[in-house]
Amino acid sequence: MIELISGLPSDVAGFRATGEITKDDYETVVFPEIDKLIERTGKIRFLLVIDTGLKNFTIGAWWEDLWLGLKNFTKWERIAIVSDSTIINRFSDVFATIVPGAESKGFDKSDFASAKAWVAADS
């Protein structure tokens, strides 16, 4: 399941992934929130806390995640991924090389406060 993270600045969309992540999570939680964020700010500042294993993301969820990235390719500004996985955090650190104009950074779960501050900070 994907849930919204409350208490973030209005120019940041934050999500927490727990348990099984499905296509429906993206369609009912992530996409509507990202659409509202783009409407308000014209850009995407994205915070995702992964509290589940990657094996718990269904194929449908992976496709929706890919579609989210492609659909909004030029709108990404900052992406903060919070996880206990070294692999996920390293991938997050290099992801920005794929998306022009975006900054991306991986954080350990113990650095959640730093992730929130970084994703909301001006470049």
C-alpha atoms as a PDB file:
ATOM      1  CA  MET A   1       0.000   0.000   0.000  1.00  0.00           C
ATOM      2  CA  ILE A   2       1.105   3.553  -0.650  1.00  0.00           C
ATOM      3  CA  GLU A   3       0.013   6.283   1.725  1.00  0.00           C
ATOM      4  CA  LEU A   4       0.499  10.041   1.689  1.00  0.00           C
ATOM      5  CA  ILE A   5       2.965  11.518   4.158  1.00  0.00           C
ATOM      6  CA  SER A   6       1.418  14.503   5.898  1.00  0.00           C
ATOM      7  CA  GLY A   7       3.150  17.571   7.264  1.00  0.00           C
ATOM      8  CA  LEU A   8       5.320  18.256   4.207  1.00  0.00           C
ATOM      9  CA  PRO A   9       5.690  21.650   2.512  1.00  0.00           C
ATOM     10  CA  SER A  10       3.035  22.330  -0.128  1.00  0.00           C
ATOM     11  CA  ASP A  11       5.580  21.976  -2.958  1.00  0.00           C
ATOM     12  CA  VAL A  12       6.477  18.372  -1.983  1.00  0.00           C
ATOM     13  CA  ALA A  13       4.488  15.189  -2.564  1.00  0.00           C
ATOM     14  CA  GLY A  14       5.469  12.511  -0.060  1.00  0.00           C
ATOM     15  CA  PHE A  15       4.564   8.837   0.027  1.00  0.00           C
ATOM     16  CA  ARG A  16       5.243   5.808   2.232  1.00  0.00           C
ATOM     17  CA  ALA A  17       5.243   2.329   0.656  1.00  0.00           C
ATOM     18  CA  THR A  18       4.424  -0.614   2.938  1.00  0.00           C
ATOM     19  CA  GLY A  19       3.371  -4.198   2.267  1.00  0.00           C
ATOM     20  CA  GLU A  20       2.327  -5.029  -1.290  1.00  0.00           C
ATOM     21  CA  ILE A  21       2.456  -2.154  -3.793  1.00  0.00           C
ATOM     22  CA  THR A  22       0.048  -2.420  -6.724  1.00  0.00           C
ATOM     23  CA  LYS A  23      -1.043  -0.557  -9.840  1.00  0.00           C
ATOM     24  CA  ASP A  24      -4.089   0.617  -7.877  1.00  0.00           C
ATOM     25  CA  ASP A  25      -1.824   2.374  -5.340  1.00  0.00           C
ATOM     26  CA  TYR A  26      -0.391   4.496  -8.133  1.00  0.00           C
ATOM     27  CA  GLU A  27      -3.763   5.175  -9.756  1.00  0.00           C
ATOM     28  CA  THR A  28      -5.596   6.131  -6.555  1.00  0.00           C
ATOM     29  CA  VAL A  29      -2.863   7.726  -4.418  1.00  0.00           C
ATOM     30  CA  VAL A  30       0.279   8.718  -6.331  1.00  0.00           C
ATOM     31  CA  PHE A  31      -1.065   9.997  -9.675  1.00  0.00           C
ATOM     32  CA  PRO A  32      -3.795  12.230  -8.195  1.00  0.00           C
ATOM     33  CA  GLU A  33      -1.360  13.783  -5.710  1.00  0.00           C
ATOM     34  CA  ILE A  34       1.301  14.361  -8.381  1.00  0.00           C
ATOM     35  CA  ASP A  35      -1.305  15.892 -10.707  1.00  0.00           C
ATOM     36  CA  LYS A  36      -2.371  18.310  -7.934  1.00  0.00           C
ATOM     37  CA  LEU A  37       1.264  19.167  -7.213  1.00  0.00           C
ATOM     38  CA  ILE A  38       1.983  19.928 -10.882  1.00  0.00           C
ATOM     39  CA  GLU A  39      -1.146  22.050 -11.068  1.00  0.00           C
ATOM     40  CA  ARG A  40       0.011  24.065  -8.005  1.00  0.00           C
ATOM     41  CA  THR A  41       3.726  24.362  -8.744  1.00  0.00           C
ATOM     42  CA  GLY A  42       4.461  23.205 -12.289  1.00  0.00           C
ATOM     43  CA  LYS A  43       7.157  20.851 -10.983  1.00  0.00           C
ATOM     44  CA  ILE A  44       7.608  17.673  -8.965  1.00  0.00           C
ATOM     45  CA  ARG A  45       9.419  17.407  -5.665  1.00  0.00           C
ATOM     46  CA  PHE A  46       8.957  13.779  -4.679  1.00  0.00           C
ATOM     47  CA  LEU A  47       9.690  12.000  -1.395  1.00  0.00           C
ATOM     48  CA  LEU A  48       9.249   8.238  -1.161  1.00  0.00           C
ATOM     49  CA  VAL A  49       9.868   6.186   1.953  1.00  0.00           C
ATOM     50  CA  ILE A  50      10.195   2.497   1.094  1.00  0.00           C
ATOM     51  CA  ASP A  51       9.174   0.390   4.099  1.00  0.00           C
ATOM     52  CA  THR A  52       8.801  -2.822   2.102  1.00  0.00           C
ATOM     53  CA  GLY A  53      10.922  -5.062  -0.064  1.00  0.00           C
ATOM     54  CA  LEU A  54      11.187  -4.451  -3.792  1.00  0.00           C
ATOM     55  CA  LYS A  55       9.746  -7.931  -4.309  1.00  0.00           C
ATOM     56  CA  ASN A  56       6.455  -6.530  -2.917  1.00  0.00           C
ATOM     57  CA  PHE A  57       6.027  -4.201  -5.907  1.00  0.00           C
ATOM     58  CA  THR A  58       3.777  -5.938  -8.436  1.00  0.00           C
ATOM     59  CA  ILE A  59       4.497  -5.817 -12.167  1.00  0.00           C
ATOM     60  CA  GLY A  60       1.570  -3.408 -12.497  1.00  0.00           C
ATOM     61  CA  ALA A  61       3.150  -1.122  -9.893  1.00  0.00           C
ATOM     62  CA  TRP A  62       6.483  -1.129 -11.764  1.00  0.00           C
ATOM     63  CA  TRP A  63       4.695  -0.185 -15.007  1.00  0.00           C
ATOM     64  CA  GLU A  64       2.808   2.633 -13.289  1.00  0.00           C
ATOM     65  CA  ASP A  65       6.051   3.890 -11.727  1.00  0.00           C
ATOM     66  CA  LEU A  66       7.666   3.947 -15.162  1.00  0.00           C
ATOM     67  CA  TRP A  67       4.628   5.733 -16.616  1.00  0.00           C
ATOM     68  CA  LEU A  68       4.755   8.319 -13.803  1.00  0.00           C
ATOM     69  CA  GLY A  69       8.344   9.119 -14.725  1.00  0.00           C
ATOM     70  CA  LEU A  70       7.790   9.253 -18.474  1.00  0.00           C
ATOM     71  CA  LYS A  71       4.493  11.126 -18.351  1.00  0.00           C
ATOM     72  CA  ASN A  72       6.082  13.928 -16.346  1.00  0.00           C
ATOM     73  CA  PHE A  73       9.614  13.679 -17.728  1.00  0.00           C
ATOM     74  CA  THR A  74      10.333  17.422 -17.801  1.00  0.00           C
ATOM     75  CA  LYS A  75       8.627  18.274 -14.499  1.00  0.00           C
ATOM     76  CA  TRP A  76      10.919  16.415 -12.077  1.00  0.00           C
ATOM     77  CA  GLU A  77      12.943  18.737  -9.873  1.00  0.00           C
ATOM     78  CA  ARG A  78      13.971  16.818  -6.734  1.00  0.00           C
ATOM     79  CA  ILE A  79      13.548  13.160  -5.837  1.00  0.00           C
ATOM     80  CA  ALA A  80      14.365  11.850  -2.351  1.00  0.00           C
ATOM     81  CA  ILE A  81      14.143   8.110  -1.755  1.00  0.00           C
ATOM     82  CA  VAL A  82      14.384   6.878   1.830  1.00  0.00           C
ATOM     83  CA  SER A  83      15.234   3.213   2.290  1.00  0.00           C
ATOM     84  CA  ASP A  84      17.380   0.774   4.241  1.00  0.00           C
ATOM     85  CA  SER A  85      18.551  -0.702   0.924  1.00  0.00           C
ATOM     86  CA  THR A  86      22.030   0.353  -0.156  1.00  0.00           C
ATOM     87  CA  ILE A  87      21.189  -0.630  -3.745  1.00  0.00           C
ATOM     88  CA  ILE A  88      18.082   1.573  -3.840  1.00  0.00           C
ATOM     89  CA  ASN A  89      19.938   4.498  -2.297  1.00  0.00           C
ATOM     90  CA  ARG A  90      22.836   4.219  -4.758  1.00  0.00           C
ATOM     91  CA  PHE A  91      20.436   3.995  -7.700  1.00  0.00           C
ATOM     92  CA  SER A  92      18.629   7.075  -6.381  1.00  0.00           C
ATOM     93  CA  ASP A  93      21.907   8.973  -6.285  1.00  0.00           C
ATOM     94  CA  VAL A  94      22.594   8.342  -9.995  1.00  0.00           C
ATOM     95  CA  PHE A  95      18.992   8.499 -11.243  1.00  0.00           C
ATOM     96  CA  ALA A  96      19.257  12.232 -11.948  1.00  0.00           C
ATOM     97  CA  THR A  97      21.689  11.519 -14.769  1.00  0.00           C
ATOM     98  CA  ILE A  98      18.725   9.981 -16.624  1.00  0.00           C
ATOM     99  CA  VAL A  99      16.274  12.830 -16.011  1.00  0.00           C
ATOM    100  CA  PRO A 100      17.432  16.222 -17.296  1.00  0.00           C
ATOM    101  CA  GLY A 101      17.197  19.022 -14.762  1.00  0.00           C
ATOM    102  CA  ALA A 102      16.327  16.751 -11.839  1.00  0.00           C
ATOM    103  CA  GLU A 103      18.257  16.104  -8.671  1.00  0.00           C
ATOM    104  CA  SER A 104      17.896  12.726  -6.992  1.00  0.00           C
ATOM    105  CA  LYS A 105      19.295  11.452  -3.737  1.00  0.00           C
ATOM    106  CA  GLY A 106      18.971   8.309  -1.628  1.00  0.00           C
ATOM    107  CA  PHE A 107      18.747   8.490   2.156  1.00  0.00           C
ATOM    108  CA  ASP A 108      18.885   5.894   4.913  1.00  0.00           C
ATOM    109  CA  LYS A 109      15.763   5.646   7.059  1.00  0.00           C
ATOM    110  CA  SER A 110      17.674   7.177   9.965  1.00  0.00           C
ATOM    111  CA  ASP A 111      18.103  10.300   7.768  1.00  0.00           C
ATOM    112  CA  PHE A 112      14.390  10.873   7.125  1.00  0.00           C
ATOM    113  CA  ALA A 113      14.533  14.427   8.522  1.00  0.00           C
ATOM    114  CA  SER A 114      17.460  15.220   6.204  1.00  0.00           C
ATOM    115  CA  ALA A 115      15.526  13.811   3.235  1.00  0.00           C
ATOM    116  CA  LYS A 116      12.533  16.019   4.009  1.00  0.00           C
ATOM    117  CA  ALA A 117      14.740  19.099   4.324  1.00  0.00           C
ATOM    118  CA  TRP A 118      16.714  18.324   1.160  1.00  0.00           C
ATOM    119  CA  VAL A 119      13.707  17.657  -1.086  1.00  0.00           C
ATOM    120  CA  ALA A 120      12.077  20.923   0.042  1.00  0.00           C
ATOM    121  CA  ALA A 121      15.200  23.105  -0.098  1.00  0.00           C
ATOM    122  CA  ASP A 122      15.925  25.488  -2.941  1.00  0.00           C
ATOM    123  CA  SER A 123      18.736  24.330  -5.199  1.00  0.00           C
END
